[in-house]
Protein backbone atom coordinates (compact mmCIF):
# COMPACT_ATOMS: atom_id res chain seq x y z
CA MET A 1 -18.00 -5.68 -6.82
CA SER A 2 -16.08 -3.63 -4.52
CA PHE A 3 -13.25 -3.68 -3.13
CA GLN A 4 -14.36 -4.26 0.40
CA LYS A 5 -17.01 -6.71 -0.93
CA ARG A 6 -13.87 -8.24 -2.89
CA LEU A 7 -12.62 -10.03 0.61
CA GLN A 8 -15.43 -10.12 2.11
CA ALA A 9 -16.52 -13.13 -0.21
CA LYS A 10 -12.73 -14.32 -0.46
CA GLU A 11 -11.95 -13.13 -3.99
CA PHE A 12 -9.03 -12.69 -5.06
CA VAL A 13 -7.82 -8.30 -4.83
CA VAL A 14 -5.72 -6.96 -7.63
CA LEU A 15 -4.09 -3.66 -6.19
CA ALA A 16 -2.27 -1.10 -8.07
CA GLU A 17 -0.29 1.43 -6.99
CA MET A 18 0.26 5.13 -8.73
CA HIS A 19 1.84 7.91 -7.33
CA THR A 20 0.33 11.56 -7.27
CA PRO A 21 2.83 13.80 -9.53
CA LYS A 22 5.15 16.54 -7.99
CA GLY A 23 2.85 18.93 -9.95
CA VAL A 24 -0.34 19.07 -10.93
CA ASN A 25 0.16 17.57 -14.68
CA ILE A 26 -2.03 14.91 -13.64
CA SER A 27 -2.14 13.96 -17.31
CA ARG A 28 0.44 10.73 -17.10
CA LEU A 29 -1.36 9.25 -13.72
CA VAL A 30 -5.09 10.29 -15.26
CA ASN A 31 -3.86 7.88 -18.32
CA ASP A 32 -2.41 5.24 -16.28
CA ALA A 33 -5.54 5.04 -14.66
CA ARG A 34 -6.92 4.44 -17.55
CA ARG A 35 -4.98 1.59 -18.76
CA ILE A 36 -5.56 -0.07 -16.08
CA LYS A 37 -9.09 -0.10 -15.77
CA GLY A 38 -10.60 -3.26 -15.69
CA ARG A 39 -7.74 -4.65 -14.54
CA VAL A 40 -7.10 -3.92 -11.55
CA ASP A 41 -9.78 -3.63 -8.12
CA ALA A 42 -8.67 -0.20 -6.69
CA ILE A 43 -5.61 1.70 -7.08
CA VAL A 44 -3.95 2.89 -3.55
CA VAL A 45 -2.86 6.49 -3.70
CA PRO A 46 0.28 7.36 -1.32
CA ASP A 47 0.17 10.45 0.28
CA MET A 48 3.80 11.67 -0.38
CA ASP A 49 5.73 8.71 0.39
CA ASN A 50 9.41 8.79 0.62
CA GLY A 51 9.60 12.34 1.73
CA ILE A 52 9.00 13.79 -1.10
CA MET A 53 6.21 16.62 -1.81
CA ARG A 54 3.89 15.62 -4.10
CA MET A 55 0.26 16.36 -4.74
CA ASN A 56 -1.87 14.40 -1.66
CA ALA A 57 -2.82 11.39 -1.84
CA LEU A 58 -7.53 12.97 -1.32
CA ALA A 59 -6.56 14.85 -5.20
CA GLY A 60 -5.15 11.10 -6.36
CA GLY A 61 -8.35 9.23 -4.94
CA VAL A 62 -10.55 11.31 -6.01
CA LEU A 63 -8.71 11.41 -9.54
CA MET A 64 -8.85 7.68 -10.20
CA GLN A 65 -12.61 7.75 -8.80
CA GLN A 66 -13.22 9.66 -11.50
CA GLN A 67 -11.60 7.27 -13.91
CA GLY A 68 -13.67 4.82 -13.07
CA VAL A 69 -11.07 3.04 -10.43
CA GLU A 70 -12.02 2.72 -6.94
CA ALA A 71 -9.07 4.49 -4.74
CA ILE A 72 -7.32 3.40 -1.31
CA ILE A 73 -6.18 6.76 0.10
CA HIS A 74 -2.99 6.11 2.63
CA LEU A 75 -3.03 8.03 6.00
CA TYR A 76 0.17 9.45 7.74
CA CYS A 77 0.85 10.44 10.94
CA ARG A 78 3.71 12.37 10.26
CA ASP A 79 2.06 14.91 8.06
CA ARG A 80 -0.71 16.32 10.22
CA ASN A 81 -2.32 16.25 13.62
CA ARG A 82 -5.71 15.19 14.74
CA MET A 83 -7.14 17.67 14.02
CA ALA A 84 -5.60 18.10 10.30
CA LEU A 85 -5.89 14.31 9.76
CA GLN A 86 -9.33 14.11 11.07
CA GLY A 87 -10.89 17.21 8.48
CA ASP A 88 -9.01 15.23 5.86
CA ILE A 89 -10.79 12.29 6.60
CA LEU A 90 -14.10 13.02 6.33
CA ALA A 91 -13.20 15.32 3.12
CA ALA A 92 -12.52 11.59 1.62
CA HIS A 93 -16.07 10.44 2.70
CA VAL A 94 -17.18 13.08 0.65
CA LEU A 95 -15.30 12.89 -2.01
CA GLY A 96 -16.83 9.44 -2.60
CA ILE A 97 -12.97 7.66 -0.72
CA HIS A 98 -14.23 4.90 1.62
CA ASN A 99 -10.92 2.74 1.41
CA LEU A 100 -8.40 4.03 4.02
CA LEU A 101 -5.12 2.41 4.60
CA VAL A 102 -3.08 3.05 6.79
CA VAL A 103 0.79 3.23 7.00
CA ARG A 104 3.97 4.55 8.15
CA GLY A 105 5.99 7.71 7.05
CA GLU A 106 9.19 7.58 6.61
CA GLU A 107 12.12 10.17 7.98
CA MET A 108 12.33 13.48 7.23
CA SER A 109 15.87 12.96 6.21
CA GLN A 110 15.67 10.83 3.80
CA GLY A 111 12.89 13.22 1.56
CA ASP A 112 13.84 16.39 -0.33
CA HIS A 113 12.09 18.85 2.89
CA SER A 114 14.17 17.31 4.98
CA GLU A 115 13.86 20.62 7.50
CA ALA A 116 10.11 19.69 7.60
CA LYS A 117 8.94 18.68 11.27
CA ALA A 118 7.68 14.90 11.15
CA VAL A 119 3.67 15.47 13.95
CA ASP A 120 2.96 12.50 15.20
CA ASP A 121 0.54 13.97 16.99
CA VAL A 122 -0.98 10.25 17.70
CA ASP A 123 0.31 6.83 15.87
CA GLU A 124 -0.68 3.80 13.67
CA CYS A 125 -3.32 1.99 15.90
CA GLY A 126 -4.80 6.19 17.49
CA LEU A 127 -5.65 7.23 13.76
CA LEU A 128 -7.65 3.86 13.08
CA GLY A 129 -9.24 4.00 16.50
CA ALA A 130 -10.44 7.85 15.41
CA ILE A 131 -10.97 6.59 11.86
CA GLY A 132 -13.73 4.04 14.22
CA THR A 133 -14.67 6.75 16.23
CA LEU A 134 -15.36 9.32 13.73
CA GLN A 135 -18.06 6.21 12.02
CA LYS A 136 -19.86 5.93 15.17
CA GLY A 137 -20.65 9.58 14.85
CA LYS A 138 -17.99 11.63 17.20
CA ASP A 139 -14.94 13.16 17.20
CA MET A 140 -11.70 12.45 18.72
CA ALA A 141 -12.91 15.36 20.61
CA GLY A 142 -15.50 13.55 21.82
CA PHE A 143 -17.68 16.74 19.93
CA ASP A 144 -21.65 14.88 17.98
CA LEU A 145 -21.04 14.75 14.18
CA ASP A 146 -23.43 16.19 11.86
CA GLY A 147 -23.38 12.77 9.56
CA ALA A 148 -21.22 9.96 9.83
CA PRO A 149 -18.39 9.20 7.58
CA THR A 150 -17.83 4.90 6.89
CA PHE A 151 -14.13 3.30 5.35
CA PHE A 152 -13.29 0.34 5.28
CA SER A 153 -9.61 1.47 6.43
CA GLY A 154 -6.49 -0.96 6.31
CA ALA A 155 -2.64 -0.96 7.39
CA SER A 156 0.63 -1.87 6.56
CA LEU A 157 2.94 -3.73 7.80
CA ALA A 158 6.59 -2.84 7.64
CA PRO A 159 9.20 -5.54 7.06
CA CYS A 160 11.38 -7.68 9.68
CA ALA A 161 15.16 -7.92 9.53
CA ASP A 162 15.91 -11.31 11.75
CA GLU A 163 12.43 -13.08 14.58
CA ALA A 164 12.56 -10.58 17.35
CA ALA A 165 11.59 -7.57 14.78
CA LEU A 166 9.28 -10.51 13.16
CA GLU A 167 7.65 -10.72 16.83
CA ARG A 168 6.98 -6.72 17.92
CA GLU A 169 5.82 -6.53 14.08
CA VAL A 170 3.40 -9.34 14.38
CA ALA A 171 2.17 -8.39 18.32
CA PHE A 172 1.70 -4.27 16.96
CA ALA A 173 -0.30 -5.60 14.00
CA ALA A 174 -2.69 -7.79 16.32
CA LYS A 175 -3.54 -3.96 17.82
CA LYS A 176 -3.81 -1.87 14.33
CA VAL A 177 -6.34 -5.66 13.10
CA ALA A 178 -8.46 -4.40 17.44
CA ALA A 179 -7.81 -0.55 16.58
CA GLY A 180 -9.82 -1.14 12.94
CA ALA A 181 -7.93 -2.46 10.92
CA ARG A 182 -9.85 -5.05 8.38
CA TRP A 183 -7.24 -5.95 5.93
CA LEU A 184 -3.28 -5.79 5.86
CA LEU A 185 -1.18 -4.74 3.38
CA THR A 186 2.92 -6.71 3.95
CA PRO A 187 6.26 -5.38 2.45
CA PRO A 188 7.29 -6.40 -0.84
CA VAL A 189 7.82 -10.09 -1.43
CA TYR A 190 10.69 -11.49 -3.45
CA ASP A 191 11.12 -14.94 -2.14
CA VAL A 192 7.88 -16.39 -2.07
CA ALA A 193 8.57 -19.68 -0.33
CA ARG A 194 9.95 -17.06 2.44
CA PHE A 195 6.66 -15.85 2.62
CA ALA A 196 4.77 -18.72 3.29
CA ALA A 197 6.52 -18.72 6.61
CA PHE A 198 6.04 -15.32 7.72
CA TYR A 199 2.34 -15.67 6.01
CA GLU A 200 2.27 -18.51 9.04
CA ARG A 201 2.67 -15.77 11.56
CA VAL A 202 -0.12 -13.40 10.78
CA LYS A 203 -2.56 -15.20 9.06
CA GLY A 204 -3.70 -16.00 12.36
CA LEU A 205 -4.90 -12.09 12.93
CA GLY A 206 -8.41 -12.19 11.16
CA VAL A 207 -8.48 -10.58 8.26
CA PRO A 208 -7.62 -10.58 4.71
CA VAL A 209 -3.39 -10.18 4.76
CA VAL A 210 -2.68 -8.85 0.89
CA PRO A 211 1.02 -9.66 -0.19
CA THR A 212 3.17 -6.00 -2.36
CA VAL A 213 4.30 -7.05 -5.66
CA PHE A 214 7.78 -5.07 -5.89
CA LEU A 215 9.23 -4.77 -9.84
CA LEU A 216 13.19 -4.79 -10.70
CA LYS A 217 13.74 -2.44 -13.28
CA SER A 218 17.44 -3.19 -13.32
CA LEU A 219 20.10 -5.21 -11.91
CA ALA A 220 21.53 -2.48 -9.95
CA ILE A 221 17.92 -1.61 -8.12
CA ALA A 222 17.69 -5.64 -6.97
CA GLN A 223 20.68 -5.37 -5.91
CA TYR A 224 20.06 -2.37 -3.17
CA ILE A 225 17.98 -3.75 -2.01
CA ALA A 226 19.49 -7.18 -0.73
CA ASN A 227 22.10 -4.96 0.55
CA SER A 228 20.31 -2.32 1.83
CA GLU A 229 17.09 -3.41 3.10
CA PRO A 230 16.19 -5.90 6.13
CA GLY A 231 14.84 -8.19 5.69
CA ALA A 232 14.13 -7.84 1.83
CA ASN A 233 15.09 -11.72 1.31
CA ILE A 234 16.48 -10.95 -2.54
CA SER A 235 18.31 -14.20 -3.39
CA ASP A 236 21.73 -14.64 -3.97
CA GLU A 237 19.53 -16.60 -7.79
CA LEU A 238 17.40 -13.36 -8.76
CA ILE A 239 20.27 -11.54 -8.56
CA ARG A 240 21.80 -13.74 -11.03
CA ARG A 241 18.95 -14.42 -12.77
CA ILE A 242 18.34 -10.85 -13.59
CA ARG A 243 22.14 -10.34 -14.78
CA LYS A 244 21.43 -13.36 -16.46
CA SER A 245 19.17 -12.26 -19.10
CA SER A 246 19.57 -10.89 -22.42
CA ASP A 247 16.11 -7.73 -21.16
CA ARG A 248 17.23 -7.60 -17.68
CA GLU A 249 13.54 -4.77 -17.50
CA GLN A 250 12.00 -7.85 -19.30
CA GLU A 251 13.99 -9.98 -16.99
CA GLY A 252 11.87 -7.35 -14.30
CA ILE A 253 8.40 -8.04 -15.89
CA HIS A 254 8.32 -11.65 -15.89
CA ILE A 255 9.49 -11.84 -11.87
CA ALA A 256 6.69 -9.96 -10.44
CA GLY A 257 3.91 -11.72 -13.17
CA GLU A 258 5.25 -15.24 -11.53
CA THR A 259 5.45 -13.98 -7.93
CA VAL A 260 2.10 -12.83 -8.81
CA ALA A 261 1.01 -15.97 -10.16
CA ALA A 262 3.07 -18.25 -6.60
CA LEU A 263 0.78 -16.18 -4.31
CA LYS A 264 -2.60 -16.60 -5.81
CA PRO A 265 -3.31 -19.72 -4.23
CA MET A 266 -2.40 -18.36 -1.00
CA VAL A 267 -3.16 -15.40 -0.01
CA GLN A 268 -6.44 -13.17 -1.13
CA GLY A 269 -4.67 -10.59 -3.10
CA VAL A 270 -1.46 -8.45 -4.00
CA LEU A 271 -0.93 -4.92 -4.17
CA VAL A 272 1.38 -4.25 -7.86
CA GLN A 273 4.39 -1.61 -7.17
CA THR A 274 5.78 -0.42 -10.05
CA LEU A 275 7.24 2.97 -8.92
CA GLY A 276 7.52 5.24 -11.95
CA TRP A 277 6.47 2.48 -14.42
CA GLU A 278 2.41 2.57 -14.26
CA HIS A 279 2.87 1.76 -18.38
CA LYS A 280 4.17 -2.08 -17.42
CA LEU A 281 1.10 -2.81 -14.95
CA PRO A 282 -0.95 -4.43 -17.75
CA ALA A 283 2.26 -6.42 -18.99
CA ILE A 284 2.98 -7.72 -15.01
CA LEU A 285 -1.02 -8.56 -15.37
CA ASP A 286 0.02 -10.54 -17.98
CA VAL A 287 2.30 -12.35 -16.90
CA ALA A 288 0.06 -13.02 -13.56
CA GLY A 289 -2.55 -14.17 -16.14
CA LEU A 290 -4.86 -11.69 -14.58
């Protein structure tokens, strides 16, 4: 059953994230995909996430499909104008990719090409609307298409540092749903109780909400996120748990797996992010009982 059909049937979906290489050596990406084939419902392929130049998501999505794993590819407004975006969307359909995730691109200044110029020809709602227009057989300029594509599109939610930011994000998410988002992806969850309160605010938008679970690889990473990312909600208790562990790497795997298991009764799916440690995905799923 496809990712779309599982969500629509209110079945629990398991997603994993895999980055394309910074180069053309695809062996690791392909091997990681093969390793978890049959254990995840789809693989999310970011497109130059965090402002790092890599092989684009379209190629990565095709590689996933070739391994027999359904792909979901990122679309950003940051890097391409409306013509290029529409061209990529049409290409995705022809290449067998029918799941799109419209996300916010990070600032170029934080990436490895800091002098690159952002495009931002349209915003997230505009891009979701463009996908819908293409599916109706027209481009953004109103010209007819010779064959219309089909997609199942989602959108992402941004982290929120306070109540005011949360109000703005929920209102923006409602606009994205109205523009065509059929599901929503949340930022990483480190505190399930806090997420439950957040979930009460967004589940009324009428589309499935899929939280992200991020693998904390080390104490240093956990401390960095706790200190620098607004709304991360990494507790002192969680930091102490990692610090006291005799095997901090394994502790991070257990925390991620336990978080997935705790979220499962509440939501319709999870996305597991391992950021380079995709070989640890099976262990996380083992802990989660999936």
